[in-house]
Amino acid sequence: MTHKHTPAPWYYDDIIDQVESFEEDGNRSLQVKIDCHSDNKLANTHLIAAAPELLKALEIAQRYVPKISGSGYIIIKEAIKKARGQK
């Protein structure tokens, strides 16, 4: 499935507080400055950096989780829609 987001991997650079991704030629393709002054900052940045892989895992899981499994399938489906900017 093709997405419009910057492909993985995304990395958190704790020196400059940003999530980044680089093209094969070394050019930066994503730069997200983290401006969070809470105890959750590190956890939030790791979650942001893992976003592409999490979306891919959910897309795979959606194929194997039966639609009749109830809330698990609904949570997966809604998370994928949210990641894609769909309603």
PDB file of N, CA and C in Angstrom:
ATOM      1  N   MET A   1       0.831  -1.166   0.000  1.00  0.00           N
ATOM      2  CA  MET A   1       0.000   0.000   0.000  1.00  0.00           C
ATOM      3  C   MET A   1       0.884   1.241   0.000  1.00  0.00           C
ATOM      4  N   THR A   2       0.577   2.215  -0.840  1.00  0.00           N
ATOM      5  CA  THR A   2       1.357   3.435  -0.953  1.00  0.00           C
ATOM      6  C   THR A   2       0.810   4.502  -0.013  1.00  0.00           C
ATOM      7  N   HIS A   3       1.728   5.186   0.659  1.00  0.00           N
ATOM      8  CA  HIS A   3       1.349   6.257   1.577  1.00  0.00           C
ATOM      9  C   HIS A   3       2.028   7.544   1.153  1.00  0.00           C
ATOM     10  N   LYS A   4       1.492   8.638   1.606  1.00  0.00           N
ATOM     11  CA  LYS A   4       2.065   9.930   1.266  1.00  0.00           C
ATOM     12  C   LYS A   4       3.028  10.439   2.336  1.00  0.00           C
ATOM     13  N   HIS A   5       3.200   9.674   3.421  1.00  0.00           N
ATOM     14  CA  HIS A   5       4.113  10.122   4.470  1.00  0.00           C
ATOM     15  C   HIS A   5       5.553   9.770   4.116  1.00  0.00           C
ATOM     16  N   THR A   6       6.472  10.407   4.817  1.00  0.00           N
ATOM     17  CA  THR A   6       7.887  10.100   4.642  1.00  0.00           C
ATOM     18  C   THR A   6       8.133   8.660   5.089  1.00  0.00           C
ATOM     19  N   PRO A   7       8.767   7.859   4.256  1.00  0.00           N
ATOM     20  CA  PRO A   7       8.971   6.454   4.619  1.00  0.00           C
ATOM     21  C   PRO A   7       9.916   6.296   5.816  1.00  0.00           C
ATOM     22  N   ALA A   8       9.782   5.159   6.461  1.00  0.00           N
ATOM     23  CA  ALA A   8      10.663   4.811   7.584  1.00  0.00           C
ATOM     24  C   ALA A   8      12.061   4.543   7.044  1.00  0.00           C
ATOM     25  N   PRO A   9      13.052   4.575   7.875  1.00  0.00           N
ATOM     26  CA  PRO A   9      12.997   4.777   9.319  1.00  0.00           C
ATOM     27  C   PRO A   9      13.053   6.250   9.705  1.00  0.00           C
ATOM     28  N   TRP A  10      12.418   6.556  10.819  1.00  0.00           N
ATOM     29  CA  TRP A  10      12.500   7.875  11.439  1.00  0.00           C
ATOM     30  C   TRP A  10      13.335   7.705  12.693  1.00  0.00           C
ATOM     31  N   TYR A  11      14.130   8.691  13.026  1.00  0.00           N
ATOM     32  CA  TYR A  11      15.021   8.622  14.182  1.00  0.00           C
ATOM     33  C   TYR A  11      14.796   9.816  15.097  1.00  0.00           C
ATOM     34  N   TYR A  12      14.971   9.601  16.395  1.00  0.00           N
ATOM     35  CA  TYR A  12      14.934  10.721  17.337  1.00  0.00           C
ATOM     36  C   TYR A  12      16.360  11.117  17.655  1.00  0.00           C
ATOM     37  N   ASP A  13      16.678  12.381  17.427  1.00  0.00           N
ATOM     38  CA  ASP A  13      17.990  12.926  17.748  1.00  0.00           C
ATOM     39  C   ASP A  13      17.849  13.700  19.057  1.00  0.00           C
ATOM     40  N   ASP A  14      18.336  13.117  20.134  1.00  0.00           N
ATOM     41  CA  ASP A  14      18.149  13.744  21.445  1.00  0.00           C
ATOM     42  C   ASP A  14      19.037  14.959  21.667  1.00  0.00           C
ATOM     43  N   ILE A  15      20.023  15.155  20.839  1.00  0.00           N
ATOM     44  CA  ILE A  15      20.898  16.323  20.980  1.00  0.00           C
ATOM     45  C   ILE A  15      20.173  17.589  20.518  1.00  0.00           C
ATOM     46  N   ILE A  16      19.455  17.485  19.429  1.00  0.00           N
ATOM     47  CA  ILE A  16      18.739  18.663  18.899  1.00  0.00           C
ATOM     48  C   ILE A  16      17.232  18.553  19.054  1.00  0.00           C
ATOM     49  N   ASP A  17      16.776  17.546  19.795  1.00  0.00           N
ATOM     50  CA  ASP A  17      15.348  17.368  20.097  1.00  0.00           C
ATOM     51  C   ASP A  17      14.464  17.379  18.859  1.00  0.00           C
ATOM     52  N   GLN A  18      14.744  16.500  17.930  1.00  0.00           N
ATOM     53  CA  GLN A  18      13.874  16.389  16.775  1.00  0.00           C
ATOM     54  C   GLN A  18      13.879  14.989  16.207  1.00  0.00           C
ATOM     55  N   VAL A  19      12.788  14.670  15.534  1.00  0.00           N
ATOM     56  CA  VAL A  19      12.660  13.401  14.821  1.00  0.00           C
ATOM     57  C   VAL A  19      13.057  13.680  13.378  1.00  0.00           C
ATOM     58  N   GLU A  20      13.878  12.811  12.820  1.00  0.00           N
ATOM     59  CA  GLU A  20      14.394  13.023  11.473  1.00  0.00           C
ATOM     60  C   GLU A  20      14.326  11.740  10.654  1.00  0.00           C
ATOM     61  N   SER A  21      14.333  11.927   9.350  1.00  0.00           N
ATOM     62  CA  SER A  21      14.479  10.816   8.416  1.00  0.00           C
ATOM     63  C   SER A  21      15.368  11.312   7.285  1.00  0.00           C
ATOM     64  N   PHE A  22      16.148  10.409   6.734  1.00  0.00           N
ATOM     65  CA  PHE A  22      17.091  10.783   5.685  1.00  0.00           C
ATOM     66  C   PHE A  22      16.908   9.916   4.453  1.00  0.00           C
ATOM     67  N   GLU A  23      17.101  10.526   3.296  1.00  0.00           N
ATOM     68  CA  GLU A  23      17.094   9.805   2.027  1.00  0.00           C
ATOM     69  C   GLU A  23      18.372   8.977   1.929  1.00  0.00           C
ATOM     70  N   GLU A  24      18.413   8.069   0.980  1.00  0.00           N
ATOM     71  CA  GLU A  24      19.611   7.240   0.800  1.00  0.00           C
ATOM     72  C   GLU A  24      20.848   8.079   0.483  1.00  0.00           C
ATOM     73  N   ASP A  25      20.646   9.247  -0.151  1.00  0.00           N
ATOM     74  CA  ASP A  25      21.778  10.100  -0.496  1.00  0.00           C
ATOM     75  C   ASP A  25      22.233  10.982   0.671  1.00  0.00           C
ATOM     76  N   GLY A  26      21.580  10.827   1.837  1.00  0.00           N
ATOM     77  CA  GLY A  26      21.974  11.583   3.020  1.00  0.00           C
ATOM     78  C   GLY A  26      21.199  12.859   3.252  1.00  0.00           C
ATOM     79  N   ASN A  27      20.366  13.257   2.293  1.00  0.00           N
ATOM     80  CA  ASN A  27      19.561  14.466   2.470  1.00  0.00           C
ATOM     81  C   ASN A  27      18.418  14.195   3.432  1.00  0.00           C
ATOM     82  N   ARG A  28      18.166  15.156   4.303  1.00  0.00           N
ATOM     83  CA  ARG A  28      17.084  15.012   5.272  1.00  0.00           C
ATOM     84  C   ARG A  28      15.743  15.139   4.554  1.00  0.00           C
ATOM     85  N   SER A  29      14.839  14.193   4.805  1.00  0.00           N
ATOM     86  CA  SER A  29      13.512  14.219   4.181  1.00  0.00           C
ATOM     87  C   SER A  29      12.414  14.543   5.185  1.00  0.00           C
ATOM     88  N   LEU A  30      12.748  14.513   6.469  1.00  0.00           N
ATOM     89  CA  LEU A  30      11.778  14.818   7.522  1.00  0.00           C
ATOM     90  C   LEU A  30      12.518  15.452   8.681  1.00  0.00           C
ATOM     91  N   GLN A  31      11.926  16.510   9.218  1.00  0.00           N
ATOM     92  CA  GLN A  31      12.499  17.153  10.396  1.00  0.00           C
ATOM     93  C   GLN A  31      11.337  17.672  11.234  1.00  0.00           C
ATOM     94  N   VAL A  32      11.142  17.065  12.397  1.00  0.00           N
ATOM     95  CA  VAL A  32      10.064  17.454  13.293  1.00  0.00           C
ATOM     96  C   VAL A  32      10.689  17.885  14.606  1.00  0.00           C
ATOM     97  N   LYS A  33      10.577  19.166  14.913  1.00  0.00           N
ATOM     98  CA  LYS A  33      11.109  19.696  16.170  1.00  0.00           C
ATOM     99  C   LYS A  33      10.187  19.305  17.310  1.00  0.00           C
ATOM    100  N   ILE A  34      10.746  18.789  18.388  1.00  0.00           N
ATOM    101  CA  ILE A  34       9.979  18.371  19.546  1.00  0.00           C
ATOM    102  C   ILE A  34      10.030  19.496  20.575  1.00  0.00           C
ATOM    103  N   ASP A  35       8.880  20.091  20.837  1.00  0.00           N
ATOM    104  CA  ASP A  35       8.788  21.190  21.797  1.00  0.00           C
ATOM    105  C   ASP A  35       7.801  20.779  22.879  1.00  0.00           C
ATOM    106  N   CYS A  36       8.249  19.907  23.740  1.00  0.00           N
ATOM    107  CA  CYS A  36       7.400  19.341  24.788  1.00  0.00           C
ATOM    108  C   CYS A  36       8.167  19.419  26.094  1.00  0.00           C
ATOM    109  N   HIS A  37       7.601  20.084  27.054  1.00  0.00           N
ATOM    110  CA  HIS A  37       8.305  20.272  28.322  1.00  0.00           C
ATOM    111  C   HIS A  37       7.610  19.505  29.437  1.00  0.00           C
ATOM    112  N   SER A  38       7.461  18.222  29.238  1.00  0.00           N
ATOM    113  CA  SER A  38       6.812  17.398  30.256  1.00  0.00           C
ATOM    114  C   SER A  38       7.642  16.149  30.495  1.00  0.00           C
ATOM    115  N   ASP A  39       7.251  15.409  31.502  1.00  0.00           N
ATOM    116  CA  ASP A  39       7.936  14.158  31.820  1.00  0.00           C
ATOM    117  C   ASP A  39       7.737  13.117  30.723  1.00  0.00           C
ATOM    118  N   ASN A  40       6.765  13.335  29.844  1.00  0.00           N
ATOM    119  CA  ASN A  40       6.449  12.384  28.785  1.00  0.00           C
ATOM    120  C   ASN A  40       7.228  12.636  27.495  1.00  0.00           C
ATOM    121  N   LYS A  41       8.096  13.619  27.488  1.00  0.00           N
ATOM    122  CA  LYS A  41       8.771  14.025  26.254  1.00  0.00           C
ATOM    123  C   LYS A  41       9.493  12.869  25.562  1.00  0.00           C
ATOM    124  N   LEU A  42      10.300  12.140  26.293  1.00  0.00           N
ATOM    125  CA  LEU A  42      11.068  11.059  25.668  1.00  0.00           C
ATOM    126  C   LEU A  42      10.145   9.982  25.123  1.00  0.00           C
ATOM    127  N   ALA A  43       9.131   9.610  25.876  1.00  0.00           N
ATOM    128  CA  ALA A  43       8.172   8.606  25.403  1.00  0.00           C
ATOM    129  C   ALA A  43       7.442   9.098  24.163  1.00  0.00           C
ATOM    130  N   ASN A  44       7.063  10.375  24.147  1.00  0.00           N
ATOM    131  CA  ASN A  44       6.368  10.939  22.982  1.00  0.00           C
ATOM    132  C   ASN A  44       7.247  10.919  21.743  1.00  0.00           C
ATOM    133  N   THR A  45       8.517  11.269  21.901  1.00  0.00           N
ATOM    134  CA  THR A  45       9.406  11.299  20.732  1.00  0.00           C
ATOM    135  C   THR A  45       9.663   9.901  20.186  1.00  0.00           C
ATOM    136  N   HIS A  46       9.765   8.935  21.050  1.00  0.00           N
ATOM    137  CA  HIS A  46       9.963   7.551  20.579  1.00  0.00           C
ATOM    138  C   HIS A  46       8.716   7.054  19.846  1.00  0.00           C
ATOM    139  N   LEU A  47       7.541   7.431  20.334  1.00  0.00           N
ATOM    140  CA  LEU A  47       6.295   7.052  19.670  1.00  0.00           C
ATOM    141  C   LEU A  47       6.201   7.689  18.287  1.00  0.00           C
ATOM    142  N   ILE A  48       6.555   8.968  18.190  1.00  0.00           N
ATOM    143  CA  ILE A  48       6.542   9.659  16.891  1.00  0.00           C
ATOM    144  C   ILE A  48       7.516   8.985  15.931  1.00  0.00           C
ATOM    145  N   ALA A  49       8.708   8.685  16.405  1.00  0.00           N
ATOM    146  CA  ALA A  49       9.726   8.055  15.546  1.00  0.00           C
ATOM    147  C   ALA A  49       9.295   6.674  15.073  1.00  0.00           C
ATOM    148  N   ALA A  50       8.492   5.977  15.849  1.00  0.00           N
ATOM    149  CA  ALA A  50       8.029   4.631  15.491  1.00  0.00           C
ATOM    150  C   ALA A  50       6.786   4.638  14.611  1.00  0.00           C
ATOM    151  N   ALA A  51       6.210   5.802  14.351  1.00  0.00           N
ATOM    152  CA  ALA A  51       4.930   5.888  13.637  1.00  0.00           C
ATOM    153  C   ALA A  51       4.868   5.112  12.316  1.00  0.00           C
ATOM    154  N   PRO A  52       5.831   5.226  11.417  1.00  0.00           N
ATOM    155  CA  PRO A  52       5.718   4.480  10.154  1.00  0.00           C
ATOM    156  C   PRO A  52       5.674   2.970  10.353  1.00  0.00           C
ATOM    157  N   GLU A  53       6.508   2.465  11.271  1.00  0.00           N
ATOM    158  CA  GLU A  53       6.525   1.028  11.529  1.00  0.00           C
ATOM    159  C   GLU A  53       5.234   0.572  12.207  1.00  0.00           C
ATOM    160  N   LEU A  54       4.689   1.406  13.096  1.00  0.00           N
ATOM    161  CA  LEU A  54       3.430   1.068  13.756  1.00  0.00           C
ATOM    162  C   LEU A  54       2.290   0.998  12.751  1.00  0.00           C
ATOM    163  N   LEU A  55       2.257   1.946  11.814  1.00  0.00           N
ATOM    164  CA  LEU A  55       1.219   1.922  10.783  1.00  0.00           C
ATOM    165  C   LEU A  55       1.336   0.652   9.942  1.00  0.00           C
ATOM    166  N   LYS A  56       2.542   0.304   9.552  1.00  0.00           N
ATOM    167  CA  LYS A  56       2.741  -0.909   8.753  1.00  0.00           C
ATOM    168  C   LYS A  56       2.288  -2.147   9.529  1.00  0.00           C
ATOM    169  N   ALA A  57       2.625  -2.209  10.818  1.00  0.00           N
ATOM    170  CA  ALA A  57       2.219  -3.348  11.646  1.00  0.00           C
ATOM    171  C   ALA A  57       0.698  -3.431  11.756  1.00  0.00           C
ATOM    172  N   LEU A  58       0.040  -2.305  11.896  1.00  0.00           N
ATOM    173  CA  LEU A  58      -1.426  -2.304  11.972  1.00  0.00           C
ATOM    174  C   LEU A  58      -2.050  -2.758  10.657  1.00  0.00           C
ATOM    175  N   GLU A  59      -1.472  -2.333   9.548  1.00  0.00           N
ATOM    176  CA  GLU A  59      -2.001  -2.764   8.245  1.00  0.00           C
ATOM    177  C   GLU A  59      -1.875  -4.276   8.081  1.00  0.00           C
ATOM    178  N   ILE A  60      -0.770  -4.834   8.548  1.00  0.00           N
ATOM    179  CA  ILE A  60      -0.595  -6.291   8.489  1.00  0.00           C
ATOM    180  C   ILE A  60      -1.574  -6.970   9.439  1.00  0.00           C
ATOM    181  N   ALA A  61      -1.664  -6.463  10.652  1.00  0.00           N
ATOM    182  CA  ALA A  61      -2.572  -7.057  11.645  1.00  0.00           C
ATOM    183  C   ALA A  61      -4.019  -7.023  11.177  1.00  0.00           C
ATOM    184  N   GLN A  62      -4.395  -5.970  10.475  1.00  0.00           N
ATOM    185  CA  GLN A  62      -5.779  -5.837  10.015  1.00  0.00           C
ATOM    186  C   GLN A  62      -6.174  -7.008   9.112  1.00  0.00           C
ATOM    187  N   ARG A  63      -5.214  -7.542   8.380  1.00  0.00           N
ATOM    188  CA  ARG A  63      -5.492  -8.675   7.494  1.00  0.00           C
ATOM    189  C   ARG A  63      -5.745  -9.964   8.257  1.00  0.00           C
ATOM    190  N   TYR A  64      -5.196 -10.068   9.462  1.00  0.00           N
ATOM    191  CA  TYR A  64      -5.259 -11.316  10.221  1.00  0.00           C
ATOM    192  C   TYR A  64      -6.229 -11.299  11.401  1.00  0.00           C
ATOM    193  N   VAL A  65      -6.614 -10.123  11.845  1.00  0.00           N
ATOM    194  CA  VAL A  65      -7.569 -10.027  12.945  1.00  0.00           C
ATOM    195  C   VAL A  65      -8.966 -10.109  12.336  1.00  0.00           C
ATOM    196  N   PRO A  66      -9.702 -11.128  12.685  1.00  0.00           N
ATOM    197  CA  PRO A  66     -11.041 -11.278  12.103  1.00  0.00           C
ATOM    198  C   PRO A  66     -11.931 -10.089  12.438  1.00  0.00           C
ATOM    199  N   LYS A  67     -12.724  -9.701  11.453  1.00  0.00           N
ATOM    200  CA  LYS A  67     -13.634  -8.575  11.664  1.00  0.00           C
ATOM    201  C   LYS A  67     -14.617  -8.853  12.787  1.00  0.00           C
ATOM    202  N   ILE A  68     -14.842 -10.124  13.075  1.00  0.00           N
ATOM    203  CA  ILE A  68     -15.796 -10.458  14.126  1.00  0.00           C
ATOM    204  C   ILE A  68     -15.181 -10.387  15.525  1.00  0.00           C
ATOM    205  N   SER A  69     -13.875 -10.028  15.607  1.00  0.00           N
ATOM    206  CA  SER A  69     -13.231  -9.983  16.921  1.00  0.00           C
ATOM    207  C   SER A  69     -13.629  -8.752  17.716  1.00  0.00           C
ATOM    208  N   GLY A  70     -14.481  -7.934  17.161  1.00  0.00           N
ATOM    209  CA  GLY A  70     -15.029  -6.809  17.913  1.00  0.00           C
ATOM    210  C   GLY A  70     -14.094  -5.634  18.053  1.00  0.00           C
ATOM    211  N   SER A  71     -13.869  -5.226  19.290  1.00  0.00           N
ATOM    212  CA  SER A  71     -13.170  -3.977  19.549  1.00  0.00           C
ATOM    213  C   SER A  71     -11.733  -3.960  19.039  1.00  0.00           C
ATOM    214  N   GLY A  72     -11.036  -5.100  19.036  1.00  0.00           N
ATOM    215  CA  GLY A  72      -9.670  -5.141  18.528  1.00  0.00           C
ATOM    216  C   GLY A  72      -9.593  -4.722  17.069  1.00  0.00           C
ATOM    217  N   TYR A  73     -10.489  -5.251  16.261  1.00  0.00           N
ATOM    218  CA  TYR A  73     -10.515  -4.906  14.837  1.00  0.00           C
ATOM    219  C   TYR A  73     -10.886  -3.437  14.652  1.00  0.00           C
ATOM    220  N   ILE A  74     -11.841  -2.972  15.420  1.00  0.00           N
ATOM    221  CA  ILE A  74     -12.286  -1.577  15.309  1.00  0.00           C
ATOM    222  C   ILE A  74     -11.157  -0.621  15.686  1.00  0.00           C
ATOM    223  N   ILE A  75     -10.422  -0.927  16.746  1.00  0.00           N
ATOM    224  CA  ILE A  75      -9.304  -0.077  17.165  1.00  0.00           C
ATOM    225  C   ILE A  75      -8.237  -0.026  16.075  1.00  0.00           C
ATOM    226  N   ILE A  76      -7.905  -1.166  15.491  1.00  0.00           N
ATOM    227  CA  ILE A  76      -6.919  -1.211  14.404  1.00  0.00           C
ATOM    228  C   ILE A  76      -7.404  -0.377  13.221  1.00  0.00           C
ATOM    229  N   LYS A  77      -8.629  -0.592  12.810  1.00  0.00           N
ATOM    230  CA  LYS A  77      -9.197   0.121  11.660  1.00  0.00           C
ATOM    231  C   LYS A  77      -9.205   1.633  11.892  1.00  0.00           C
ATOM    232  N   GLU A  78      -9.618   2.060  13.082  1.00  0.00           N
ATOM    233  CA  GLU A  78      -9.686   3.490  13.388  1.00  0.00           C
ATOM    234  C   GLU A  78      -8.296   4.119  13.481  1.00  0.00           C
ATOM    235  N   ALA A  79      -7.327   3.396  14.015  1.00  0.00           N
ATOM    236  CA  ALA A  79      -5.959   3.913  14.104  1.00  0.00           C
ATOM    237  C   ALA A  79      -5.352   4.097  12.713  1.00  0.00           C
ATOM    238  N   ILE A  80      -5.616   3.168  11.813  1.00  0.00           N
ATOM    239  CA  ILE A  80      -5.124   3.284  10.435  1.00  0.00           C
ATOM    240  C   ILE A  80      -5.756   4.494   9.764  1.00  0.00           C
ATOM    241  N   LYS A  81      -7.037   4.657   9.925  1.00  0.00           N
ATOM    242  CA  LYS A  81      -7.722   5.812   9.336  1.00  0.00           C
ATOM    243  C   LYS A  81      -7.161   7.124   9.889  1.00  0.00           C
ATOM    244  N   LYS A  82      -6.912   7.181  11.183  1.00  0.00           N
ATOM    245  CA  LYS A  82      -6.366   8.379  11.803  1.00  0.00           C
ATOM    246  C   LYS A  82      -4.975   8.694  11.248  1.00  0.00           C
ATOM    247  N   ALA A  83      -4.152   7.658  11.089  1.00  0.00           N
ATOM    248  CA  ALA A  83      -2.799   7.841  10.563  1.00  0.00           C
ATOM    249  C   ALA A  83      -2.819   8.328   9.109  1.00  0.00           C
ATOM    250  N   ARG A  84      -3.847   7.948   8.375  1.00  0.00           N
ATOM    251  CA  ARG A  84      -3.967   8.355   6.969  1.00  0.00           C
ATOM    252  C   ARG A  84      -4.719   9.667   6.792  1.00  0.00           C
ATOM    253  N   GLY A  85      -5.178  10.241   7.907  1.00  0.00           N
ATOM    254  CA  GLY A  85      -5.920  11.498   7.822  1.00  0.00           C
ATOM    255  C   GLY A  85      -7.329  11.331   7.317  1.00  0.00           C
ATOM    256  N   GLN A  86      -7.875  10.135   7.464  1.00  0.00           N
ATOM    257  CA  GLN A  86      -9.241   9.856   7.019  1.00  0.00           C
ATOM    258  C   GLN A  86     -10.181   9.957   8.214  1.00  0.00           C
ATOM    259  N   LYS A  87     -11.449  10.151   7.902  1.00  0.00           N
ATOM    260  CA  LYS A  87     -12.449  10.235   8.974  1.00  0.00           C
ATOM    261  C   LYS A  87     -13.013   8.896   9.293  1.00  0.00           C
TER     262      LYS A  87
END
